[in-house]
Amino acid sequence: MSTASEPYPPSKDRAWREWAMVAIGLTGLLSVMAIIVATVALSSTAATSTTVITTPAPAARAASVTAAPAPQAISVAIKADNEHGRKGPDNQWHDAFLPADYTVHAGSTVTITFHNYDTGPHTFTSPALGVNSIIAAGTDSTAHDVTLTFKAPTKTGKYAWWCSVPCDPWAMTHDGYMRGYVTVVA
């Protein structure tokens, strides 16, 4: 028996809405599954240390006629908000690379060792520097270490970097947390 609000057989509009809801649900489910698979792949703890050596960015390939600067080594801890990464001006703890800003010499070979204590993966991404390193998840007590080596540009200036893996939304939009600068000096 049909009613005024629900005709029998179901209207084409109602059928269309039902199929659209099924499609939206399946899309959401597939999206969640893709995020889980990507997180598991990035968080793989099969190795405790990874070394990434990148080729220099095109601007950094210019040959220098002077002696090459001494190699530079930087050590960076990555901590989540619950691990007291870095307190923000909002008086809340946020995810952070500690330190987030680095100064290097033009043309030098730079080695950054990341110690990720966060249970989520992160990246150190800077197209201007020619780097995009994935830093797998660690644990609160044991860091996952990743060593990145690259050649600093010969041109002085500030080169932006950021974490491209979604984490603390506030930290991802503020310098000194999940983003910062590599300053190249002469």
N, C-alpha and C. Protein backbone atom coordinates (compact mmCIF):
# COMPACT_ATOMS: atom_id res chain seq x y z
N MET A 1 0.84 -1.17 0.00
CA MET A 1 0.00 0.00 0.00
C MET A 1 0.89 1.23 0.00
N SER A 2 0.57 2.21 -0.80
CA SER A 2 1.42 3.40 -0.89
C SER A 2 0.85 4.54 -0.06
N THR A 3 1.76 5.40 0.34
CA THR A 3 1.36 6.60 1.07
C THR A 3 1.78 7.79 0.26
N ALA A 4 1.35 8.96 0.69
CA ALA A 4 1.68 10.18 -0.04
C ALA A 4 3.17 10.46 0.01
N SER A 5 3.82 10.08 1.10
CA SER A 5 5.25 10.39 1.20
C SER A 5 6.13 9.29 0.61
N GLU A 6 5.59 8.09 0.39
CA GLU A 6 6.40 6.99 -0.12
C GLU A 6 5.61 6.23 -1.18
N PRO A 7 5.67 6.67 -2.43
CA PRO A 7 4.90 5.99 -3.47
C PRO A 7 5.46 4.60 -3.74
N TYR A 8 4.58 3.72 -4.18
CA TYR A 8 5.00 2.38 -4.52
C TYR A 8 4.76 2.18 -6.00
N PRO A 9 5.63 1.77 -6.81
CA PRO A 9 7.02 1.43 -6.51
C PRO A 9 7.84 2.69 -6.19
N PRO A 10 9.06 2.50 -5.58
CA PRO A 10 9.87 3.66 -5.19
C PRO A 10 10.14 4.56 -6.39
N SER A 11 10.19 5.85 -6.12
CA SER A 11 10.42 6.80 -7.19
C SER A 11 11.86 6.71 -7.67
N LYS A 12 12.07 7.17 -8.91
CA LYS A 12 13.43 7.18 -9.46
C LYS A 12 14.34 8.06 -8.62
N ASP A 13 13.80 9.15 -8.08
CA ASP A 13 14.61 10.06 -7.25
C ASP A 13 15.10 9.35 -5.99
N ARG A 14 14.21 8.60 -5.36
CA ARG A 14 14.59 7.87 -4.14
C ARG A 14 15.63 6.80 -4.46
N ALA A 15 15.42 6.07 -5.54
CA ALA A 15 16.37 5.03 -5.95
C ALA A 15 17.74 5.65 -6.24
N TRP A 16 17.75 6.79 -6.92
CA TRP A 16 18.99 7.48 -7.21
C TRP A 16 19.72 7.88 -5.92
N ARG A 17 18.98 8.42 -4.95
CA ARG A 17 19.59 8.81 -3.68
C ARG A 17 20.19 7.61 -2.96
N GLU A 18 19.48 6.48 -2.99
CA GLU A 18 19.98 5.28 -2.33
C GLU A 18 21.28 4.79 -2.97
N TRP A 19 21.33 4.77 -4.30
CA TRP A 19 22.55 4.36 -4.99
C TRP A 19 23.67 5.36 -4.74
N ALA A 20 23.37 6.63 -4.68
CA ALA A 20 24.39 7.65 -4.40
C ALA A 20 24.97 7.44 -3.00
N MET A 21 24.12 7.11 -2.04
CA MET A 21 24.60 6.87 -0.68
C MET A 21 25.51 5.64 -0.64
N VAL A 22 25.16 4.60 -1.39
CA VAL A 22 26.00 3.40 -1.46
C VAL A 22 27.35 3.77 -2.08
N ALA A 23 27.34 4.55 -3.15
CA ALA A 23 28.59 4.95 -3.81
C ALA A 23 29.45 5.79 -2.87
N ILE A 24 28.83 6.72 -2.14
CA ILE A 24 29.58 7.55 -1.19
C ILE A 24 30.17 6.69 -0.08
N GLY A 25 29.40 5.74 0.41
CA GLY A 25 29.89 4.84 1.46
C GLY A 25 31.07 4.01 0.99
N LEU A 26 30.97 3.46 -0.23
CA LEU A 26 32.08 2.67 -0.77
C LEU A 26 33.32 3.52 -1.00
N THR A 27 33.13 4.74 -1.49
CA THR A 27 34.26 5.65 -1.69
C THR A 27 34.94 5.96 -0.37
N GLY A 28 34.15 6.21 0.65
CA GLY A 28 34.72 6.48 1.98
C GLY A 28 35.47 5.28 2.51
N LEU A 29 34.90 4.10 2.37
CA LEU A 29 35.55 2.87 2.83
C LEU A 29 36.87 2.64 2.10
N LEU A 30 36.88 2.81 0.78
CA LEU A 30 38.12 2.64 0.02
C LEU A 30 39.16 3.68 0.42
N SER A 31 38.73 4.90 0.70
CA SER A 31 39.66 5.94 1.14
C SER A 31 40.30 5.59 2.46
N VAL A 32 39.50 5.11 3.40
CA VAL A 32 40.02 4.71 4.72
C VAL A 32 41.00 3.56 4.55
N MET A 33 40.65 2.57 3.70
CA MET A 33 41.55 1.44 3.48
C MET A 33 42.87 1.91 2.86
N ALA A 34 42.81 2.85 1.92
CA ALA A 34 44.03 3.37 1.30
C ALA A 34 44.91 4.07 2.33
N ILE A 35 44.31 4.83 3.23
CA ILE A 35 45.07 5.51 4.28
C ILE A 35 45.72 4.49 5.20
N ILE A 36 45.00 3.45 5.56
CA ILE A 36 45.55 2.41 6.44
C ILE A 36 46.72 1.71 5.77
N VAL A 37 46.57 1.34 4.50
CA VAL A 37 47.66 0.66 3.79
C VAL A 37 48.87 1.58 3.68
N ALA A 38 48.66 2.86 3.35
CA ALA A 38 49.78 3.80 3.24
C ALA A 38 50.47 3.99 4.58
N THR A 39 49.70 4.09 5.66
CA THR A 39 50.28 4.27 6.99
C THR A 39 51.09 3.04 7.39
N VAL A 40 50.56 1.86 7.13
CA VAL A 40 51.30 0.63 7.45
C VAL A 40 52.59 0.57 6.64
N ALA A 41 52.52 0.92 5.37
CA ALA A 41 53.71 0.88 4.53
C ALA A 41 54.75 1.89 5.01
N LEU A 42 54.32 3.09 5.38
CA LEU A 42 55.25 4.11 5.85
C LEU A 42 55.76 3.80 7.25
N SER A 43 54.97 3.08 8.04
CA SER A 43 55.33 2.81 9.43
C SER A 43 56.08 1.51 9.61
N SER A 44 56.39 0.84 8.54
CA SER A 44 57.06 -0.45 8.63
C SER A 44 58.32 -0.31 9.48
N THR A 45 58.43 -1.18 10.47
CA THR A 45 59.58 -1.12 11.36
C THR A 45 60.55 -2.25 11.08
N ALA A 46 60.55 -2.76 9.85
CA ALA A 46 61.46 -3.84 9.50
C ALA A 46 62.91 -3.41 9.66
N ALA A 47 63.21 -2.17 9.38
CA ALA A 47 64.57 -1.66 9.55
C ALA A 47 64.52 -0.53 10.56
N THR A 48 65.55 -0.41 11.36
CA THR A 48 65.56 0.66 12.34
C THR A 48 66.29 1.89 11.84
N SER A 49 66.96 1.78 10.73
CA SER A 49 67.69 2.93 10.21
C SER A 49 67.66 2.89 8.69
N THR A 50 67.45 4.05 8.08
CA THR A 50 67.40 4.17 6.64
C THR A 50 68.30 5.32 6.22
N THR A 51 69.06 5.14 5.17
CA THR A 51 69.88 6.20 4.63
C THR A 51 69.36 6.57 3.26
N VAL A 52 69.13 7.86 3.05
CA VAL A 52 68.66 8.35 1.77
C VAL A 52 69.68 9.33 1.25
N ILE A 53 70.17 9.08 0.04
CA ILE A 53 71.10 10.01 -0.58
C ILE A 53 70.42 10.53 -1.83
N THR A 54 70.29 11.84 -1.91
CA THR A 54 69.58 12.43 -3.03
C THR A 54 70.56 13.12 -3.96
N THR A 55 70.11 13.30 -5.19
CA THR A 55 70.91 14.08 -6.12
C THR A 55 70.61 15.55 -5.87
N PRO A 56 71.57 16.42 -6.08
CA PRO A 56 71.34 17.84 -5.83
C PRO A 56 70.27 18.41 -6.76
N ALA A 57 69.61 19.44 -6.27
CA ALA A 57 68.65 20.17 -7.09
C ALA A 57 69.40 20.81 -8.25
N PRO A 58 68.73 21.07 -9.38
CA PRO A 58 69.42 21.66 -10.53
C PRO A 58 70.21 22.92 -10.17
N ALA A 59 69.66 23.77 -9.30
CA ALA A 59 70.37 25.00 -8.94
C ALA A 59 71.63 24.70 -8.13
N ALA A 60 71.68 23.55 -7.50
CA ALA A 60 72.82 23.20 -6.66
C ALA A 60 73.92 22.49 -7.43
N ARG A 61 73.71 22.21 -8.71
CA ARG A 61 74.68 21.43 -9.47
C ARG A 61 75.83 22.25 -10.03
N ALA A 62 75.76 23.56 -9.89
CA ALA A 62 76.83 24.40 -10.43
C ALA A 62 78.14 24.05 -9.74
N ALA A 63 79.18 23.86 -10.54
CA ALA A 63 80.49 23.49 -9.99
C ALA A 63 81.13 24.70 -9.34
N SER A 64 81.83 24.44 -8.28
CA SER A 64 82.52 25.51 -7.56
C SER A 64 84.00 25.40 -7.86
N VAL A 65 84.66 26.55 -8.07
CA VAL A 65 86.10 26.54 -8.35
C VAL A 65 86.91 26.58 -7.07
N THR A 66 86.26 26.84 -5.95
CA THR A 66 86.97 26.85 -4.67
C THR A 66 86.82 25.49 -4.01
N ALA A 67 87.58 25.27 -2.96
CA ALA A 67 87.52 23.99 -2.25
C ALA A 67 86.12 23.79 -1.68
N ALA A 68 85.68 22.55 -1.67
CA ALA A 68 84.36 22.23 -1.14
C ALA A 68 84.32 22.48 0.36
N PRO A 69 83.22 23.05 0.87
CA PRO A 69 83.09 23.27 2.31
C PRO A 69 83.06 21.92 3.05
N ALA A 70 83.41 21.97 4.31
CA ALA A 70 83.40 20.76 5.13
C ALA A 70 81.98 20.22 5.25
N PRO A 71 81.85 18.90 5.32
CA PRO A 71 80.51 18.32 5.51
C PRO A 71 79.88 18.81 6.81
N GLN A 72 78.57 18.90 6.81
CA GLN A 72 77.85 19.34 7.99
C GLN A 72 76.90 18.25 8.45
N ALA A 73 76.83 18.03 9.76
CA ALA A 73 75.95 17.02 10.33
C ALA A 73 74.96 17.70 11.27
N ILE A 74 73.68 17.32 11.13
CA ILE A 74 72.60 17.89 11.94
C ILE A 74 71.81 16.72 12.52
N SER A 75 71.44 16.82 13.78
CA SER A 75 70.63 15.80 14.43
C SER A 75 69.28 16.42 14.80
N VAL A 76 68.19 15.74 14.42
CA VAL A 76 66.85 16.28 14.62
C VAL A 76 65.96 15.23 15.29
N ALA A 77 65.32 15.60 16.38
CA ALA A 77 64.33 14.73 17.03
C ALA A 77 62.95 15.13 16.52
N ILE A 78 62.10 14.14 16.28
CA ILE A 78 60.72 14.40 15.88
C ILE A 78 59.84 13.84 17.00
N LYS A 79 59.02 14.74 17.56
CA LYS A 79 58.16 14.34 18.68
C LYS A 79 56.74 14.82 18.44
N ALA A 80 55.80 14.03 18.94
CA ALA A 80 54.38 14.36 18.82
C ALA A 80 53.96 15.26 19.98
N ASP A 81 52.76 15.79 19.87
CA ASP A 81 52.25 16.67 20.92
C ASP A 81 52.19 15.96 22.28
N ASN A 82 51.78 14.69 22.28
CA ASN A 82 51.69 13.96 23.55
C ASN A 82 53.07 13.63 24.12
N GLU A 83 54.11 13.83 23.33
CA GLU A 83 55.49 13.63 23.80
C GLU A 83 56.15 14.97 24.11
N HIS A 84 55.31 16.02 24.18
CA HIS A 84 55.78 17.38 24.42
C HIS A 84 56.80 17.82 23.37
N GLY A 85 56.33 17.74 22.09
CA GLY A 85 57.16 18.17 20.97
C GLY A 85 57.62 19.61 21.15
N ARG A 86 56.69 20.54 21.03
CA ARG A 86 57.01 21.96 21.22
C ARG A 86 55.73 22.69 21.61
N LYS A 87 55.83 23.54 22.62
CA LYS A 87 54.66 24.29 23.08
C LYS A 87 54.46 25.51 22.16
N GLY A 88 53.23 25.69 21.73
CA GLY A 88 52.91 26.81 20.85
C GLY A 88 52.44 28.02 21.61
N PRO A 89 52.23 29.13 20.91
CA PRO A 89 51.73 30.34 21.55
C PRO A 89 50.31 30.16 22.10
N ASP A 90 49.62 29.10 21.67
CA ASP A 90 48.30 28.78 22.19
C ASP A 90 48.38 28.00 23.50
N ASN A 91 49.61 27.84 24.03
CA ASN A 91 49.88 27.15 25.29
C ASN A 91 49.55 25.65 25.21
N GLN A 92 49.51 25.11 24.00
CA GLN A 92 49.28 23.68 23.77
C GLN A 92 50.55 23.05 23.20
N TRP A 93 50.74 21.75 23.46
CA TRP A 93 51.86 21.03 22.88
C TRP A 93 51.51 20.62 21.46
N HIS A 94 52.49 20.69 20.55
CA HIS A 94 52.27 20.34 19.14
C HIS A 94 53.40 19.45 18.63
N ASP A 95 53.10 18.70 17.55
CA ASP A 95 54.12 17.91 16.87
C ASP A 95 55.22 18.86 16.40
N ALA A 96 56.47 18.38 16.42
CA ALA A 96 57.56 19.26 16.00
C ALA A 96 58.82 18.51 15.63
N PHE A 97 59.55 19.10 14.68
CA PHE A 97 60.93 18.72 14.38
C PHE A 97 61.77 19.60 15.30
N LEU A 98 62.67 19.00 16.05
CA LEU A 98 63.49 19.74 17.03
C LEU A 98 64.97 19.57 16.72
N PRO A 99 65.65 20.55 16.16
CA PRO A 99 65.18 21.86 15.73
C PRO A 99 64.48 21.78 14.37
N ALA A 100 63.82 22.87 14.01
CA ALA A 100 63.10 22.93 12.73
C ALA A 100 63.82 23.79 11.70
N ASP A 101 64.74 24.63 12.14
CA ASP A 101 65.48 25.51 11.24
C ASP A 101 66.96 25.17 11.31
N TYR A 102 67.63 25.18 10.15
CA TYR A 102 69.03 24.79 10.06
C TYR A 102 69.79 25.80 9.21
N THR A 103 71.03 26.02 9.56
CA THR A 103 71.91 26.88 8.76
C THR A 103 73.05 26.02 8.25
N VAL A 104 73.27 26.07 6.92
CA VAL A 104 74.33 25.28 6.29
C VAL A 104 75.13 26.18 5.37
N HIS A 105 76.30 25.71 4.97
CA HIS A 105 77.15 26.48 4.08
C HIS A 105 76.88 26.10 2.62
N ALA A 106 76.91 27.09 1.76
CA ALA A 106 76.65 26.89 0.34
C ALA A 106 77.59 25.82 -0.22
N GLY A 107 77.03 24.89 -0.96
CA GLY A 107 77.81 23.85 -1.61
C GLY A 107 78.27 22.72 -0.71
N SER A 108 77.97 22.78 0.57
CA SER A 108 78.44 21.73 1.48
C SER A 108 77.59 20.47 1.37
N THR A 109 78.17 19.36 1.78
CA THR A 109 77.43 18.12 1.89
C THR A 109 76.79 18.13 3.27
N VAL A 110 75.47 18.01 3.29
CA VAL A 110 74.72 18.10 4.54
C VAL A 110 74.14 16.72 4.86
N THR A 111 74.34 16.28 6.08
CA THR A 111 73.77 15.02 6.56
C THR A 111 72.87 15.34 7.74
N ILE A 112 71.59 15.01 7.59
CA ILE A 112 70.63 15.20 8.68
C ILE A 112 70.19 13.82 9.15
N THR A 113 70.33 13.57 10.43
CA THR A 113 69.85 12.32 11.00
C THR A 113 68.59 12.64 11.80
N PHE A 114 67.48 12.06 11.36
CA PHE A 114 66.19 12.25 12.02
C PHE A 114 65.96 11.11 13.00
N HIS A 115 65.51 11.43 14.19
CA HIS A 115 65.17 10.45 15.22
C HIS A 115 63.67 10.61 15.49
N ASN A 116 62.85 9.77 14.86
CA ASN A 116 61.40 9.91 14.96
C ASN A 116 60.87 9.12 16.15
N TYR A 117 60.47 9.85 17.20
CA TYR A 117 59.86 9.24 18.38
C TYR A 117 58.34 9.21 18.27
N ASP A 118 57.80 9.80 17.21
CA ASP A 118 56.35 9.81 17.01
C ASP A 118 55.91 8.44 16.50
N THR A 119 54.70 8.04 16.83
CA THR A 119 54.18 6.75 16.36
C THR A 119 53.59 6.87 14.96
N GLY A 120 53.73 8.03 14.34
CA GLY A 120 53.30 8.23 12.97
C GLY A 120 54.47 8.63 12.10
N PRO A 121 54.40 8.34 10.79
CA PRO A 121 55.48 8.72 9.88
C PRO A 121 55.45 10.21 9.58
N HIS A 122 56.56 10.73 9.08
CA HIS A 122 56.68 12.13 8.66
C HIS A 122 57.54 12.18 7.41
N THR A 123 57.64 13.37 6.82
CA THR A 123 58.57 13.55 5.70
C THR A 123 59.36 14.83 5.92
N PHE A 124 60.49 14.91 5.24
CA PHE A 124 61.26 16.14 5.14
C PHE A 124 61.25 16.43 3.65
N THR A 125 60.40 17.39 3.25
CA THR A 125 60.15 17.66 1.84
C THR A 125 60.56 19.07 1.48
N SER A 126 61.44 19.20 0.46
CA SER A 126 61.85 20.50 -0.03
C SER A 126 62.24 20.37 -1.50
N PRO A 127 61.31 20.67 -2.40
CA PRO A 127 61.66 20.60 -3.83
C PRO A 127 62.84 21.51 -4.18
N ALA A 128 62.94 22.66 -3.54
CA ALA A 128 64.03 23.59 -3.83
C ALA A 128 65.39 23.00 -3.48
N LEU A 129 65.43 22.12 -2.48
CA LEU A 129 66.68 21.45 -2.09
C LEU A 129 66.83 20.10 -2.79
N GLY A 130 65.80 19.66 -3.48
CA GLY A 130 65.84 18.37 -4.17
C GLY A 130 65.73 17.19 -3.23
N VAL A 131 64.99 17.36 -2.11
CA VAL A 131 64.84 16.27 -1.14
C VAL A 131 63.38 15.99 -0.83
N ASN A 132 63.09 14.72 -0.60
CA ASN A 132 61.78 14.28 -0.13
C ASN A 132 62.01 12.95 0.57
N SER A 133 62.31 13.00 1.84
CA SER A 133 62.67 11.82 2.60
C SER A 133 61.51 11.39 3.50
N ILE A 134 61.16 10.11 3.45
CA ILE A 134 60.13 9.56 4.33
C ILE A 134 60.80 9.09 5.60
N ILE A 135 60.24 9.47 6.72
CA ILE A 135 60.78 9.10 8.03
C ILE A 135 59.74 8.22 8.71
N ALA A 136 60.01 6.93 8.75
CA ALA A 136 59.04 5.97 9.29
C ALA A 136 58.82 6.21 10.78
N ALA A 137 57.69 5.70 11.25
CA ALA A 137 57.29 5.88 12.64
C ALA A 137 58.23 5.15 13.59
N GLY A 138 58.37 5.72 14.77
CA GLY A 138 59.10 5.09 15.85
C GLY A 138 58.11 4.77 16.95
N THR A 139 58.60 4.76 18.18
CA THR A 139 57.73 4.58 19.33
C THR A 139 58.09 5.66 20.34
N ASP A 140 57.30 5.77 21.40
CA ASP A 140 57.59 6.76 22.43
C ASP A 140 58.97 6.56 23.05
N SER A 141 59.44 5.30 23.09
CA SER A 141 60.71 5.03 23.75
C SER A 141 61.85 4.71 22.78
N THR A 142 61.53 4.31 21.56
CA THR A 142 62.57 3.95 20.59
C THR A 142 62.35 4.72 19.30
N ALA A 143 63.33 5.50 18.93
CA ALA A 143 63.22 6.29 17.71
C ALA A 143 63.50 5.43 16.49
N HIS A 144 62.85 5.79 15.37
CA HIS A 144 63.23 5.25 14.07
C HIS A 144 64.17 6.27 13.47
N ASP A 145 65.37 5.86 13.15
CA ASP A 145 66.38 6.79 12.65
C ASP A 145 66.46 6.73 11.13
N VAL A 146 66.51 7.90 10.51
CA VAL A 146 66.69 8.02 9.07
C VAL A 146 67.77 9.07 8.84
N THR A 147 68.73 8.72 7.98
CA THR A 147 69.80 9.66 7.65
C THR A 147 69.61 10.12 6.21
N LEU A 148 69.59 11.41 6.02
CA LEU A 148 69.42 12.04 4.71
C LEU A 148 70.68 12.82 4.39
N THR A 149 71.24 12.60 3.22
CA THR A 149 72.43 13.34 2.79
C THR A 149 72.11 14.05 1.48
N PHE A 150 72.44 15.34 1.41
CA PHE A 150 72.23 16.09 0.18
C PHE A 150 73.29 17.19 0.07
N LYS A 151 73.43 17.74 -1.12
CA LYS A 151 74.38 18.83 -1.33
C LYS A 151 73.61 20.14 -1.25
N ALA A 152 74.07 21.04 -0.40
CA ALA A 152 73.41 22.35 -0.25
C ALA A 152 73.56 23.15 -1.54
N PRO A 153 72.58 23.95 -1.86
CA PRO A 153 72.70 24.81 -3.05
C PRO A 153 73.90 25.74 -2.93
N THR A 154 74.43 26.17 -4.06
CA THR A 154 75.53 27.14 -4.04
C THR A 154 75.01 28.56 -3.88
N LYS A 155 73.73 28.75 -4.11
CA LYS A 155 73.11 30.06 -3.96
C LYS A 155 72.62 30.24 -2.52
N THR A 156 73.04 31.32 -1.89
CA THR A 156 72.62 31.58 -0.51
C THR A 156 71.14 31.97 -0.49
N GLY A 157 70.52 31.77 0.66
CA GLY A 157 69.11 32.12 0.81
C GLY A 157 68.42 31.17 1.77
N LYS A 158 67.11 31.37 1.90
CA LYS A 158 66.28 30.52 2.78
C LYS A 158 65.48 29.57 1.90
N TYR A 159 65.57 28.30 2.21
CA TYR A 159 64.88 27.26 1.47
C TYR A 159 63.87 26.59 2.39
N ALA A 160 62.60 26.64 2.01
CA ALA A 160 61.54 26.07 2.85
C ALA A 160 61.52 24.55 2.77
N TRP A 161 61.16 23.93 3.87
CA TRP A 161 60.90 22.50 3.93
C TRP A 161 59.60 22.31 4.72
N TRP A 162 58.95 21.15 4.60
CA TRP A 162 57.74 20.86 5.35
C TRP A 162 57.54 19.35 5.42
N CYS A 163 56.71 18.95 6.35
CA CYS A 163 56.27 17.56 6.46
C CYS A 163 55.01 17.44 5.62
N SER A 164 55.00 16.50 4.69
CA SER A 164 53.84 16.36 3.81
C SER A 164 52.87 15.26 4.25
N VAL A 165 53.15 14.60 5.38
CA VAL A 165 52.23 13.59 5.90
C VAL A 165 51.30 14.28 6.91
N PRO A 166 50.00 14.25 6.68
CA PRO A 166 49.09 14.93 7.61
C PRO A 166 49.26 14.44 9.05
N CYS A 167 49.43 15.41 9.94
CA CYS A 167 49.52 15.10 11.37
C CYS A 167 48.81 16.22 12.12
N ASP A 168 49.51 16.91 13.00
CA ASP A 168 48.95 18.01 13.79
C ASP A 168 48.64 19.19 12.86
N PRO A 169 47.34 19.46 12.59
CA PRO A 169 46.99 20.52 11.62
C PRO A 169 47.59 21.88 11.98
N TRP A 170 47.63 22.21 13.26
CA TRP A 170 48.18 23.51 13.65
C TRP A 170 49.67 23.55 13.35
N ALA A 171 50.39 22.49 13.73
CA ALA A 171 51.84 22.44 13.54
C ALA A 171 52.23 22.46 12.06
N MET A 172 51.39 21.90 11.21
CA MET A 172 51.70 21.84 9.78
C MET A 172 51.62 23.21 9.11
N THR A 173 50.96 24.16 9.76
CA THR A 173 50.81 25.49 9.17
C THR A 173 51.66 26.55 9.86
N HIS A 174 52.50 26.14 10.81
CA HIS A 174 53.32 27.11 11.54
C HIS A 174 54.80 26.74 11.48
N ASP A 175 55.61 27.72 11.08
CA ASP A 175 57.05 27.51 11.01
C ASP A 175 57.59 27.17 12.39
N GLY A 176 58.59 26.30 12.42
CA GLY A 176 59.22 25.90 13.67
C GLY A 176 58.61 24.66 14.28
N TYR A 177 57.63 24.06 13.61
CA TYR A 177 56.98 22.86 14.11
C TYR A 177 57.11 21.76 13.04
N MET A 178 56.15 21.65 12.16
CA MET A 178 56.21 20.66 11.08
C MET A 178 56.62 21.31 9.76
N ARG A 179 57.26 22.43 9.86
CA ARG A 179 57.81 23.13 8.69
C ARG A 179 58.88 24.09 9.18
N GLY A 180 59.77 24.47 8.30
CA GLY A 180 60.85 25.36 8.70
C GLY A 180 61.68 25.77 7.49
N TYR A 181 62.92 26.19 7.78
CA TYR A 181 63.80 26.68 6.73
C TYR A 181 65.21 26.13 6.88
N VAL A 182 65.84 25.88 5.74
CA VAL A 182 67.26 25.62 5.69
C VAL A 182 67.85 26.91 5.12
N THR A 183 68.64 27.60 5.94
CA THR A 183 69.27 28.84 5.49
C THR A 183 70.67 28.52 5.00
N VAL A 184 70.93 28.87 3.75
CA VAL A 184 72.24 28.62 3.14
C VAL A 184 73.04 29.91 3.19
N VAL A 185 74.22 29.85 3.84
CA VAL A 185 75.11 31.00 3.95
C VAL A 185 76.41 30.71 3.22
N ALA A 186 77.16 31.77 2.91
CA ALA A 186 78.43 31.61 2.21
C ALA A 186 79.47 30.94 3.09
